[in-house]
Amino acid sequence: MRYMCLMKSSESNGETPPAVYEAMAEYDRWGRANGVLIDSQGLLPSEAGAIVSLVDGNIKAVDGPFTEAKELVGGYAVIEVRSYDEALELGRRLMQIHKDNWPGFEGSVEIRQIAEF
């Protein structure tokens, strides 16, 4: 089963500490070596992005930053695991990395199974 893990947090958490990058690199190496991590990347701040929406038949684009959003996707991982419980455990490990290496960090990992048709 494949899952998309979306790392979400407030951009008010500030600059990512180097220790988080180091721990995430180790997590990445471990996941790829064990065949559970298919892909993962961090995303640039919302000021480098845009939101394109369709509302009432109108399409509009709004450039970032998205200051009104409480949580934004800051990175993602695609994992391949044997069970939902294994996906949750990998999500917990991601949160533990942030807890251990980023004092005051608050965020979440949304874990969603990828539909395979």
PDB file of N, CA and C in Angstrom:
ATOM      1  N   MET A   1       0.832  -1.173   0.000  1.00  0.00           N
ATOM      2  CA  MET A   1       0.000   0.000   0.000  1.00  0.00           C
ATOM      3  C   MET A   1       0.883   1.245   0.000  1.00  0.00           C
ATOM      4  N   ARG A   2       0.478   2.192  -0.816  1.00  0.00           N
ATOM      5  CA  ARG A   2       1.203   3.462  -0.851  1.00  0.00           C
ATOM      6  C   ARG A   2       0.395   4.533  -0.122  1.00  0.00           C
ATOM      7  N   TYR A   3       1.140   5.377   0.579  1.00  0.00           N
ATOM      8  CA  TYR A   3       0.533   6.486   1.310  1.00  0.00           C
ATOM      9  C   TYR A   3       1.267   7.775   1.000  1.00  0.00           C
ATOM     10  N   MET A   4       0.510   8.869   0.976  1.00  0.00           N
ATOM     11  CA  MET A   4       1.074  10.208   0.878  1.00  0.00           C
ATOM     12  C   MET A   4       1.050  10.778   2.287  1.00  0.00           C
ATOM     13  N   CYS A   5       2.205  11.228   2.749  1.00  0.00           N
ATOM     14  CA  CYS A   5       2.333  11.864   4.059  1.00  0.00           C
ATOM     15  C   CYS A   5       2.601  13.345   3.822  1.00  0.00           C
ATOM     16  N   LEU A   6       1.709  14.191   4.301  1.00  0.00           N
ATOM     17  CA  LEU A   6       1.828  15.629   4.111  1.00  0.00           C
ATOM     18  C   LEU A   6       2.207  16.278   5.430  1.00  0.00           C
ATOM     19  N   MET A   7       3.401  16.846   5.489  1.00  0.00           N
ATOM     20  CA  MET A   7       3.862  17.553   6.681  1.00  0.00           C
ATOM     21  C   MET A   7       3.224  18.936   6.684  1.00  0.00           C
ATOM     22  N   LYS A   8       2.521  19.249   7.768  1.00  0.00           N
ATOM     23  CA  LYS A   8       1.841  20.537   7.868  1.00  0.00           C
ATOM     24  C   LYS A   8       2.302  21.262   9.117  1.00  0.00           C
ATOM     25  N   SER A   9       2.492  22.563   8.959  1.00  0.00           N
ATOM     26  CA  SER A   9       2.829  23.391  10.111  1.00  0.00           C
ATOM     27  C   SER A   9       2.589  24.843   9.753  1.00  0.00           C
ATOM     28  N   SER A  10       2.685  25.680  10.754  1.00  0.00           N
ATOM     29  CA  SER A  10       2.566  27.107  10.558  1.00  0.00           C
ATOM     30  C   SER A  10       3.910  27.660  10.122  1.00  0.00           C
ATOM     31  N   GLU A  11       3.892  28.578   9.190  1.00  0.00           N
ATOM     32  CA  GLU A  11       5.148  29.204   8.797  1.00  0.00           C
ATOM     33  C   GLU A  11       5.702  30.078   9.916  1.00  0.00           C
ATOM     34  N   SER A  12       4.898  30.307  10.948  1.00  0.00           N
ATOM     35  CA  SER A  12       5.378  31.091  12.094  1.00  0.00           C
ATOM     36  C   SER A  12       6.325  30.282  12.979  1.00  0.00           C
ATOM     37  N   ASN A  13       6.508  28.978  12.675  1.00  0.00           N
ATOM     38  CA  ASN A  13       7.486  28.173  13.410  1.00  0.00           C
ATOM     39  C   ASN A  13       8.899  28.704  13.185  1.00  0.00           C
ATOM     40  N   GLY A  14       9.092  29.471  12.129  1.00  0.00           N
ATOM     41  CA  GLY A  14      10.394  30.060  11.851  1.00  0.00           C
ATOM     42  C   GLY A  14      11.277  29.183  10.992  1.00  0.00           C
ATOM     43  N   GLU A  15      12.541  29.539  10.957  1.00  0.00           N
ATOM     44  CA  GLU A  15      13.545  28.847  10.144  1.00  0.00           C
ATOM     45  C   GLU A  15      13.795  27.434  10.669  1.00  0.00           C
ATOM     46  N   THR A  16      13.896  26.471   9.771  1.00  0.00           N
ATOM     47  CA  THR A  16      14.151  25.086  10.157  1.00  0.00           C
ATOM     48  C   THR A  16      15.571  24.960  10.709  1.00  0.00           C
ATOM     49  N   PRO A  17      15.714  24.417  11.921  1.00  0.00           N
ATOM     50  CA  PRO A  17      17.050  24.232  12.481  1.00  0.00           C
ATOM     51  C   PRO A  17      17.859  23.201  11.693  1.00  0.00           C
ATOM     52  N   PRO A  18      19.180  23.381  11.594  1.00  0.00           N
ATOM     53  CA  PRO A  18      20.029  22.413  10.885  1.00  0.00           C
ATOM     54  C   PRO A  18      19.868  20.985  11.411  1.00  0.00           C
ATOM     55  N   ALA A  19      19.619  20.806  12.707  1.00  0.00           N
ATOM     56  CA  ALA A  19      19.467  19.465  13.274  1.00  0.00           C
ATOM     57  C   ALA A  19      18.281  18.725  12.661  1.00  0.00           C
ATOM     58  N   VAL A  20      17.242  19.458  12.282  1.00  0.00           N
ATOM     59  CA  VAL A  20      16.081  18.822  11.642  1.00  0.00           C
ATOM     60  C   VAL A  20      16.493  18.301  10.266  1.00  0.00           C
ATOM     61  N   TYR A  21      17.231  19.117   9.509  1.00  0.00           N
ATOM     62  CA  TYR A  21      17.702  18.671   8.190  1.00  0.00           C
ATOM     63  C   TYR A  21      18.572  17.421   8.315  1.00  0.00           C
ATOM     64  N   GLU A  22      19.451  17.403   9.300  1.00  0.00           N
ATOM     65  CA  GLU A  22      20.324  16.243   9.503  1.00  0.00           C
ATOM     66  C   GLU A  22      19.519  14.998   9.848  1.00  0.00           C
ATOM     67  N   ALA A  23      18.553  15.130  10.765  1.00  0.00           N
ATOM     68  CA  ALA A  23      17.730  13.988  11.164  1.00  0.00           C
ATOM     69  C   ALA A  23      16.836  13.522  10.015  1.00  0.00           C
ATOM     70  N   MET A  24      16.324  14.462   9.232  1.00  0.00           N
ATOM     71  CA  MET A  24      15.485  14.090   8.095  1.00  0.00           C
ATOM     72  C   MET A  24      16.312  13.383   7.017  1.00  0.00           C
ATOM     73  N   ALA A  25      17.550  13.799   6.839  1.00  0.00           N
ATOM     74  CA  ALA A  25      18.419  13.126   5.868  1.00  0.00           C
ATOM     75  C   ALA A  25      18.664  11.677   6.284  1.00  0.00           C
ATOM     76  N   GLU A  26      18.860  11.452   7.579  1.00  0.00           N
ATOM     77  CA  GLU A  26      19.046  10.088   8.086  1.00  0.00           C
ATOM     78  C   GLU A  26      17.766   9.259   7.892  1.00  0.00           C
ATOM     79  N   TYR A  27      16.608   9.838   8.203  1.00  0.00           N
ATOM     80  CA  TYR A  27      15.309   9.190   7.999  1.00  0.00           C
ATOM     81  C   TYR A  27      15.148   8.825   6.514  1.00  0.00           C
ATOM     82  N   ASP A  28      15.518   9.747   5.637  1.00  0.00           N
ATOM     83  CA  ASP A  28      15.423   9.531   4.202  1.00  0.00           C
ATOM     84  C   ASP A  28      16.314   8.370   3.764  1.00  0.00           C
ATOM     85  N   ARG A  29      17.573   8.374   4.219  1.00  0.00           N
ATOM     86  CA  ARG A  29      18.495   7.279   3.865  1.00  0.00           C
ATOM     87  C   ARG A  29      17.962   5.938   4.363  1.00  0.00           C
ATOM     88  N   TRP A  30      17.487   5.903   5.606  1.00  0.00           N
ATOM     89  CA  TRP A  30      16.940   4.678   6.180  1.00  0.00           C
ATOM     90  C   TRP A  30      15.743   4.195   5.367  1.00  0.00           C
ATOM     91  N   GLY A  31      14.815   5.105   5.050  1.00  0.00           N
ATOM     92  CA  GLY A  31      13.608   4.729   4.315  1.00  0.00           C
ATOM     93  C   GLY A  31      13.886   4.205   2.923  1.00  0.00           C
ATOM     94  N   ARG A  32      14.831   4.837   2.238  1.00  0.00           N
ATOM     95  CA  ARG A  32      15.171   4.378   0.881  1.00  0.00           C
ATOM     96  C   ARG A  32      15.898   3.032   0.925  1.00  0.00           C
ATOM     97  N   ALA A  33      16.786   2.866   1.910  1.00  0.00           N
ATOM     98  CA  ALA A  33      17.522   1.602   2.047  1.00  0.00           C
ATOM     99  C   ALA A  33      16.583   0.449   2.377  1.00  0.00           C
ATOM    100  N   ASN A  34      15.514   0.728   3.107  1.00  0.00           N
ATOM    101  CA  ASN A  34      14.564  -0.312   3.501  1.00  0.00           C
ATOM    102  C   ASN A  34      13.388  -0.451   2.537  1.00  0.00           C
ATOM    103  N   GLY A  35      13.362   0.354   1.491  1.00  0.00           N
ATOM    104  CA  GLY A  35      12.334   0.232   0.468  1.00  0.00           C
ATOM    105  C   GLY A  35      10.975   0.784   0.841  1.00  0.00           C
ATOM    106  N   VAL A  36      10.873   1.550   1.929  1.00  0.00           N
ATOM    107  CA  VAL A  36       9.569   2.095   2.311  1.00  0.00           C
ATOM    108  C   VAL A  36       9.383   3.533   1.835  1.00  0.00           C
ATOM    109  N   LEU A  37      10.466   4.245   1.571  1.00  0.00           N
ATOM    110  CA  LEU A  37      10.363   5.634   1.139  1.00  0.00           C
ATOM    111  C   LEU A  37      10.549   5.711  -0.371  1.00  0.00           C
ATOM    112  N   ILE A  38       9.492   6.106  -1.053  1.00  0.00           N
ATOM    113  CA  ILE A  38       9.509   6.213  -2.510  1.00  0.00           C
ATOM    114  C   ILE A  38      10.043   7.586  -2.923  1.00  0.00           C
ATOM    115  N   ASP A  39       9.557   8.632  -2.268  1.00  0.00           N
ATOM    116  CA  ASP A  39       9.970   9.995  -2.598  1.00  0.00           C
ATOM    117  C   ASP A  39       9.673  10.889  -1.409  1.00  0.00           C
ATOM    118  N   SER A  40      10.478  11.920  -1.221  1.00  0.00           N
ATOM    119  CA  SER A  40      10.192  12.931  -0.191  1.00  0.00           C
ATOM    120  C   SER A  40      10.936  14.208  -0.530  1.00  0.00           C
ATOM    121  N   GLN A  41      10.318  15.319  -0.221  1.00  0.00           N
ATOM    122  CA  GLN A  41      10.915  16.625  -0.449  1.00  0.00           C
ATOM    123  C   GLN A  41      10.271  17.632   0.496  1.00  0.00           C
ATOM    124  N   GLY A  42      11.023  18.661   0.827  1.00  0.00           N
ATOM    125  CA  GLY A  42      10.471  19.818   1.507  1.00  0.00           C
ATOM    126  C   GLY A  42      10.001  20.812   0.464  1.00  0.00           C
ATOM    127  N   LEU A  43       9.131  21.713   0.880  1.00  0.00           N
ATOM    128  CA  LEU A  43       8.613  22.727  -0.031  1.00  0.00           C
ATOM    129  C   LEU A  43       9.101  24.105   0.401  1.00  0.00           C
ATOM    130  N   LEU A  44       9.270  24.986  -0.567  1.00  0.00           N
ATOM    131  CA  LEU A  44       9.643  26.359  -0.267  1.00  0.00           C
ATOM    132  C   LEU A  44       8.498  27.056   0.464  1.00  0.00           C
ATOM    133  N   PRO A  45       8.750  28.163   1.143  1.00  0.00           N
ATOM    134  CA  PRO A  45       7.681  28.893   1.837  1.00  0.00           C
ATOM    135  C   PRO A  45       6.569  29.316   0.875  1.00  0.00           C
ATOM    136  N   SER A  46       5.403  29.585   1.437  1.00  0.00           N
ATOM    137  CA  SER A  46       4.239  29.916   0.614  1.00  0.00           C
ATOM    138  C   SER A  46       4.443  31.170  -0.231  1.00  0.00           C
ATOM    139  N   GLU A  47       5.354  32.057   0.167  1.00  0.00           N
ATOM    140  CA  GLU A  47       5.601  33.263  -0.635  1.00  0.00           C
ATOM    141  C   GLU A  47       6.140  32.914  -2.019  1.00  0.00           C
ATOM    142  N   ALA A  48       6.643  31.692  -2.197  1.00  0.00           N
ATOM    143  CA  ALA A  48       7.146  31.250  -3.494  1.00  0.00           C
ATOM    144  C   ALA A  48       6.080  30.515  -4.303  1.00  0.00           C
ATOM    145  N   GLY A  49       4.849  30.462  -3.787  1.00  0.00           N
ATOM    146  CA  GLY A  49       3.800  29.687  -4.443  1.00  0.00           C
ATOM    147  C   GLY A  49       2.571  30.506  -4.777  1.00  0.00           C
ATOM    148  N   ALA A  50       1.546  29.806  -5.184  1.00  0.00           N
ATOM    149  CA  ALA A  50       0.263  30.414  -5.527  1.00  0.00           C
ATOM    150  C   ALA A  50      -0.835  29.396  -5.267  1.00  0.00           C
ATOM    151  N   ILE A  51      -2.045  29.886  -5.151  1.00  0.00           N
ATOM    152  CA  ILE A  51      -3.230  29.031  -5.078  1.00  0.00           C
ATOM    153  C   ILE A  51      -4.118  29.394  -6.255  1.00  0.00           C
ATOM    154  N   VAL A  52      -4.466  28.392  -7.058  1.00  0.00           N
ATOM    155  CA  VAL A  52      -5.389  28.578  -8.165  1.00  0.00           C
ATOM    156  C   VAL A  52      -6.687  27.903  -7.751  1.00  0.00           C
ATOM    157  N   SER A  53      -7.776  28.658  -7.788  1.00  0.00           N
ATOM    158  CA  SER A  53      -9.053  28.113  -7.311  1.00  0.00           C
ATOM    159  C   SER A  53     -10.162  28.352  -8.325  1.00  0.00           C
ATOM    160  N   LEU A  54     -11.204  27.540  -8.188  1.00  0.00           N
ATOM    161  CA  LEU A  54     -12.408  27.661  -9.003  1.00  0.00           C
ATOM    162  C   LEU A  54     -13.565  27.861  -8.040  1.00  0.00           C
ATOM    163  N   VAL A  55     -14.174  29.044  -8.066  1.00  0.00           N
ATOM    164  CA  VAL A  55     -15.290  29.374  -7.187  1.00  0.00           C
ATOM    165  C   VAL A  55     -16.353  30.090  -8.014  1.00  0.00           C
ATOM    166  N   ASP A  56     -17.587  29.622  -7.907  1.00  0.00           N
ATOM    167  CA  ASP A  56     -18.708  30.223  -8.632  1.00  0.00           C
ATOM    168  C   ASP A  56     -18.423  30.375 -10.123  1.00  0.00           C
ATOM    169  N   GLY A  57     -17.765  29.380 -10.707  1.00  0.00           N
ATOM    170  CA  GLY A  57     -17.478  29.383 -12.135  1.00  0.00           C
ATOM    171  C   GLY A  57     -16.298  30.241 -12.544  1.00  0.00           C
ATOM    172  N   ASN A  58     -15.624  30.862 -11.586  1.00  0.00           N
ATOM    173  CA  ASN A  58     -14.482  31.722 -11.891  1.00  0.00           C
ATOM    174  C   ASN A  58     -13.186  31.091 -11.403  1.00  0.00           C
ATOM    175  N   ILE A  59     -12.168  31.132 -12.256  1.00  0.00           N
ATOM    176  CA  ILE A  59     -10.846  30.644 -11.891  1.00  0.00           C
ATOM    177  C   ILE A  59      -9.988  31.854 -11.561  1.00  0.00           C
ATOM    178  N   LYS A  60      -9.337  31.780 -10.392  1.00  0.00           N
ATOM    179  CA  LYS A  60      -8.437  32.882 -10.036  1.00  0.00           C
ATOM    180  C   LYS A  60      -7.182  32.323  -9.385  1.00  0.00           C
ATOM    181  N   ALA A  61      -6.117  33.080  -9.532  1.00  0.00           N
ATOM    182  CA  ALA A  61      -4.840  32.717  -8.930  1.00  0.00           C
ATOM    183  C   ALA A  61      -4.463  33.795  -7.924  1.00  0.00           C
ATOM    184  N   VAL A  62      -4.001  33.341  -6.756  1.00  0.00           N
ATOM    185  CA  VAL A  62      -3.546  34.254  -5.712  1.00  0.00           C
ATOM    186  C   VAL A  62      -2.127  33.857  -5.349  1.00  0.00           C
ATOM    187  N   ASP A  63      -1.207  34.807  -5.463  1.00  0.00           N
ATOM    188  CA  ASP A  63       0.177  34.555  -5.090  1.00  0.00           C
ATOM    189  C   ASP A  63       0.331  34.512  -3.580  1.00  0.00           C
ATOM    190  N   GLY A  64       1.303  33.714  -3.110  1.00  0.00           N
ATOM    191  CA  GLY A  64       1.620  33.663  -1.688  1.00  0.00           C
ATOM    192  C   GLY A  64       2.311  34.946  -1.274  1.00  0.00           C
ATOM    193  N   PRO A  65       2.533  35.160  -0.011  1.00  0.00           N
ATOM    194  CA  PRO A  65       2.340  34.201   1.076  1.00  0.00           C
ATOM    195  C   PRO A  65       0.873  34.088   1.495  1.00  0.00           C
ATOM    196  N   PHE A  66       0.563  32.976   2.133  1.00  0.00           N
ATOM    197  CA  PHE A  66      -0.803  32.683   2.556  1.00  0.00           C
ATOM    198  C   PHE A  66      -0.918  32.884   4.055  1.00  0.00           C
ATOM    199  N   THR A  67      -0.867  34.134   4.486  1.00  0.00           N
ATOM    200  CA  THR A  67      -0.823  34.454   5.910  1.00  0.00           C
ATOM    201  C   THR A  67      -2.091  34.068   6.649  1.00  0.00           C
ATOM    202  N   GLU A  68      -3.215  33.936   5.929  1.00  0.00           N
ATOM    203  CA  GLU A  68      -4.464  33.573   6.584  1.00  0.00           C
ATOM    204  C   GLU A  68      -4.552  32.087   6.926  1.00  0.00           C
ATOM    205  N   ALA A  69      -3.699  31.273   6.348  1.00  0.00           N
ATOM    206  CA  ALA A  69      -3.714  29.831   6.606  1.00  0.00           C
ATOM    207  C   ALA A  69      -3.008  29.527   7.922  1.00  0.00           C
ATOM    208  N   LYS A  70      -3.655  28.708   8.763  1.00  0.00           N
ATOM    209  CA  LYS A  70      -3.027  28.317  10.029  1.00  0.00           C
ATOM    210  C   LYS A  70      -1.930  27.290   9.809  1.00  0.00           C
ATOM    211  N   GLU A  71      -2.180  26.312   8.956  1.00  0.00           N
ATOM    212  CA  GLU A  71      -1.182  25.289   8.643  1.00  0.00           C
ATOM    213  C   GLU A  71      -1.065  25.157   7.138  1.00  0.00           C
ATOM    214  N   LEU A  72       0.172  25.016   6.674  1.00  0.00           N
ATOM    215  CA  LEU A  72       0.448  24.816   5.264  1.00  0.00           C
ATOM    216  C   LEU A  72       1.273  23.553   5.093  1.00  0.00           C
ATOM    217  N   VAL A  73       1.172  22.952   3.926  1.00  0.00           N
ATOM    218  CA  VAL A  73       2.006  21.789   3.634  1.00  0.00           C
ATOM    219  C   VAL A  73       3.434  22.293   3.424  1.00  0.00           C
ATOM    220  N   GLY A  74       4.364  21.749   4.218  1.00  0.00           N
ATOM    221  CA  GLY A  74       5.757  22.164   4.135  1.00  0.00           C
ATOM    222  C   GLY A  74       6.659  21.112   3.525  1.00  0.00           C
ATOM    223  N   GLY A  75       6.115  19.924   3.307  1.00  0.00           N
ATOM    224  CA  GLY A  75       6.873  18.839   2.714  1.00  0.00           C
ATOM    225  C   GLY A  75       5.991  17.624   2.561  1.00  0.00           C
ATOM    226  N   TYR A  76       6.509  16.633   1.866  1.00  0.00           N
ATOM    227  CA  TYR A  76       5.728  15.417   1.641  1.00  0.00           C
ATOM    228  C   TYR A  76       6.647  14.210   1.575  1.00  0.00           C
ATOM    229  N   ALA A  77       6.039  13.057   1.757  1.00  0.00           N
ATOM    230  CA  ALA A  77       6.729  11.789   1.542  1.00  0.00           C
ATOM    231  C   ALA A  77       5.725  10.807   0.969  1.00  0.00           C
ATOM    232  N   VAL A  78       6.162  10.026   0.010  1.00  0.00           N
ATOM    233  CA  VAL A  78       5.363   8.910  -0.497  1.00  0.00           C
ATOM    234  C   VAL A  78       6.033   7.649   0.025  1.00  0.00           C
ATOM    235  N   ILE A  79       5.253   6.853   0.759  1.00  0.00           N
ATOM    236  CA  ILE A  79       5.794   5.636   1.356  1.00  0.00           C
ATOM    237  C   ILE A  79       5.043   4.418   0.832  1.00  0.00           C
ATOM    238  N   GLU A  80       5.715   3.279   0.871  1.00  0.00           N
ATOM    239  CA  GLU A  80       5.091   2.006   0.506  1.00  0.00           C
ATOM    240  C   GLU A  80       5.300   1.057   1.669  1.00  0.00           C
ATOM    241  N   VAL A  81       4.186   0.668   2.298  1.00  0.00           N
ATOM    242  CA  VAL A  81       4.230  -0.147   3.506  1.00  0.00           C
ATOM    243  C   VAL A  81       3.224  -1.287   3.405  1.00  0.00           C
ATOM    244  N   ARG A  82       3.294  -2.197   4.370  1.00  0.00           N
ATOM    245  CA  ARG A  82       2.399  -3.355   4.370  1.00  0.00           C
ATOM    246  C   ARG A  82       1.058  -3.080   5.033  1.00  0.00           C
ATOM    247  N   SER A  83       0.995  -2.034   5.886  1.00  0.00           N
ATOM    248  CA  SER A  83      -0.241  -1.811   6.635  1.00  0.00           C
ATOM    249  C   SER A  83      -0.413  -0.337   7.004  1.00  0.00           C
ATOM    250  N   TYR A  84      -1.629   0.005   7.355  1.00  0.00           N
ATOM    251  CA  TYR A  84      -1.958   1.337   7.849  1.00  0.00           C
ATOM    252  C   TYR A  84      -1.170   1.631   9.119  1.00  0.00           C
ATOM    253  N   ASP A  85      -1.061   0.634  10.004  1.00  0.00           N
ATOM    254  CA  ASP A  85      -0.316   0.830  11.248  1.00  0.00           C
ATOM    255  C   ASP A  85       1.150   1.171  10.985  1.00  0.00           C
ATOM    256  N   GLU A  86       1.733   0.562   9.968  1.00  0.00           N
ATOM    257  CA  GLU A  86       3.120   0.876   9.624  1.00  0.00           C
ATOM    258  C   GLU A  86       3.229   2.318   9.114  1.00  0.00           C
ATOM    259  N   ALA A  87       2.236   2.758   8.339  1.00  0.00           N
ATOM    260  CA  ALA A  87       2.218   4.148   7.869  1.00  0.00           C
ATOM    261  C   ALA A  87       2.125   5.110   9.052  1.00  0.00           C
ATOM    262  N   LEU A  88       1.278   4.788  10.033  1.00  0.00           N
ATOM    263  CA  LEU A  88       1.164   5.635  11.228  1.00  0.00           C
ATOM    264  C   LEU A  88       2.478   5.693  11.998  1.00  0.00           C
ATOM    265  N   GLU A  89       3.161   4.572  12.087  1.00  0.00           N
ATOM    266  CA  GLU A  89       4.436   4.546  12.803  1.00  0.00           C
ATOM    267  C   GLU A  89       5.468   5.441  12.111  1.00  0.00           C
ATOM    268  N   LEU A  90       5.505   5.422  10.792  1.00  0.00           N
ATOM    269  CA  LEU A  90       6.427   6.306  10.078  1.00  0.00           C
ATOM    270  C   LEU A  90       6.047   7.771  10.292  1.00  0.00           C
ATOM    271  N   GLY A  91       4.751   8.064  10.359  1.00  0.00           N
ATOM    272  CA  GLY A  91       4.303   9.418  10.662  1.00  0.00           C
ATOM    273  C   GLY A  91       4.735   9.849  12.056  1.00  0.00           C
ATOM    274  N   ARG A  92       4.636   8.940  13.006  1.00  0.00           N
ATOM    275  CA  ARG A  92       5.089   9.239  14.377  1.00  0.00           C
ATOM    276  C   ARG A  92       6.589   9.528  14.399  1.00  0.00           C
ATOM    277  N   ARG A  93       7.340   8.767  13.613  1.00  0.00           N
ATOM    278  CA  ARG A  93       8.792   9.005  13.551  1.00  0.00           C
ATOM    279  C   ARG A  93       9.101  10.393  12.997  1.00  0.00           C
ATOM    280  N   LEU A  94       8.354  10.822  11.996  1.00  0.00           N
ATOM    281  CA  LEU A  94       8.536  12.172  11.461  1.00  0.00           C
ATOM    282  C   LEU A  94       8.278  13.229  12.534  1.00  0.00           C
ATOM    283  N   MET A  95       7.205  13.050  13.295  1.00  0.00           N
ATOM    284  CA  MET A  95       6.893  14.013  14.353  1.00  0.00           C
ATOM    285  C   MET A  95       7.944  13.974  15.459  1.00  0.00           C
ATOM    286  N   GLN A  96       8.474  12.789  15.751  1.00  0.00           N
ATOM    287  CA  GLN A  96       9.498  12.661  16.787  1.00  0.00           C
ATOM    288  C   GLN A  96      10.773  13.402  16.389  1.00  0.00           C
ATOM    289  N   ILE A  97      11.117  13.334  15.102  1.00  0.00           N
ATOM    290  CA  ILE A  97      12.282  14.078  14.611  1.00  0.00           C
ATOM    291  C   ILE A  97      12.109  15.560  14.916  1.00  0.00           C
ATOM    292  N   HIS A  98      10.932  16.089  14.656  1.00  0.00           N
ATOM    293  CA  HIS A  98      10.682  17.505  14.903  1.00  0.00           C
ATOM    294  C   HIS A  98      10.643  17.816  16.402  1.00  0.00           C
ATOM    295  N   LYS A  99      10.047  16.948  17.165  1.00  0.00           N
ATOM    296  CA  LYS A  99      10.002  17.146  18.619  1.00  0.00           C
ATOM    297  C   LYS A  99      11.410  17.186  19.210  1.00  0.00           C
ATOM    298  N   ASP A 100      12.254  16.276  18.760  1.00  0.00           N
ATOM    299  CA  ASP A 100      13.614  16.153  19.303  1.00  0.00           C
ATOM    300  C   ASP A 100      14.553  17.272  18.846  1.00  0.00           C
ATOM    301  N   ASN A 101      14.291  17.854  17.672  1.00  0.00           N
ATOM    302  CA  ASN A 101      15.261  18.760  17.068  1.00  0.00           C
ATOM    303  C   ASN A 101      14.776  20.189  16.821  1.00  0.00           C
ATOM    304  N   TRP A 102      13.529  20.476  17.174  1.00  0.00           N
ATOM    305  CA  TRP A 102      12.990  21.814  16.899  1.00  0.00           C
ATOM    306  C   TRP A 102      12.137  22.258  18.078  1.00  0.00           C
ATOM    307  N   PRO A 103      12.752  22.841  19.093  1.00  0.00           N
ATOM    308  CA  PRO A 103      11.993  23.283  20.275  1.00  0.00           C
ATOM    309  C   PRO A 103      10.839  24.205  19.882  1.00  0.00           C
ATOM    310  N   GLY A 104       9.657  23.911  20.401  1.00  0.00           N
ATOM    311  CA  GLY A 104       8.485  24.735  20.141  1.00  0.00           C
ATOM    312  C   GLY A 104       7.758  24.442  18.845  1.00  0.00           C
ATOM    313  N   PHE A 105       8.281  23.515  18.031  1.00  0.00           N
ATOM    314  CA  PHE A 105       7.614  23.190  16.762  1.00  0.00           C
ATOM    315  C   PHE A 105       6.230  22.627  17.032  1.00  0.00           C
ATOM    316  N   GLU A 106       5.272  23.071  16.247  1.00  0.00           N
ATOM    317  CA  GLU A 106       3.935  22.487  16.266  1.00  0.00           C
ATOM    318  C   GLU A 106       3.520  22.223  14.838  1.00  0.00           C
ATOM    319  N   GLY A 107       3.012  21.035  14.600  1.00  0.00           N
ATOM    320  CA  GLY A 107       2.585  20.669  13.263  1.00  0.00           C
ATOM    321  C   GLY A 107       1.960  19.294  13.264  1.00  0.00           C
ATOM    322  N   SER A 108       1.737  18.762  12.084  1.00  0.00           N
ATOM    323  CA  SER A 108       1.091  17.459  11.958  1.00  0.00           C
ATOM    324  C   SER A 108       1.544  16.787  10.665  1.00  0.00           C
ATOM    325  N   VAL A 109       1.277  15.502  10.591  1.00  0.00           N
ATOM    326  CA  VAL A 109       1.482  14.741   9.356  1.00  0.00           C
ATOM    327  C   VAL A 109       0.130  14.157   8.982  1.00  0.00           C
ATOM    328  N   GLU A 110      -0.379  14.545   7.839  1.00  0.00           N
ATOM    329  CA  GLU A 110      -1.604  13.950   7.325  1.00  0.00           C
ATOM    330  C   GLU A 110      -1.204  12.743   6.492  1.00  0.00           C
ATOM    331  N   ILE A 111      -1.774  11.586   6.806  1.00  0.00           N
ATOM    332  CA  ILE A 111      -1.419  10.337   6.136  1.00  0.00           C
ATOM    333  C   ILE A 111      -2.639   9.847   5.380  1.00  0.00           C
ATOM    334  N   ARG A 112      -2.504   9.746   4.049  1.00  0.00           N
ATOM    335  CA  ARG A 112      -3.625   9.351   3.208  1.00  0.00           C
ATOM    336  C   ARG A 112      -3.184   8.254   2.249  1.00  0.00           C
ATOM    337  N   GLN A 113      -3.962   7.173   2.206  1.00  0.00           N
ATOM    338  CA  GLN A 113      -3.641   6.101   1.273  1.00  0.00           C
ATOM    339  C   GLN A 113      -3.869   6.589  -0.160  1.00  0.00           C
ATOM    340  N   ILE A 114      -2.956   6.248  -1.034  1.00  0.00           N
ATOM    341  CA  ILE A 114      -3.069   6.633  -2.440  1.00  0.00           C
ATOM    342  C   ILE A 114      -3.991   5.641  -3.130  1.00  0.00           C
ATOM    343  N   ALA A 115      -4.991   6.162  -3.829  1.00  0.00           N
ATOM    344  CA  ALA A 115      -5.925   5.315  -4.581  1.00  0.00           C
ATOM    345  C   ALA A 115      -5.203   4.740  -5.786  1.00  0.00           C
ATOM    346  N   GLU A 116      -5.227   3.446  -5.900  1.00  0.00           N
ATOM    347  CA  GLU A 116      -4.585   2.790  -7.038  1.00  0.00           C
ATOM    348  C   GLU A 116      -5.663   2.097  -7.835  1.00  0.00           C
ATOM    349  N   PHE A 117      -5.908   2.647  -9.023  1.00  0.00           N
ATOM    350  CA  PHE A 117      -6.976   2.130  -9.875  1.00  0.00           C
ATOM    351  C   PHE A 117      -6.441   1.193 -10.921  1.00  0.00           C
TER     352      PHE A 117
END
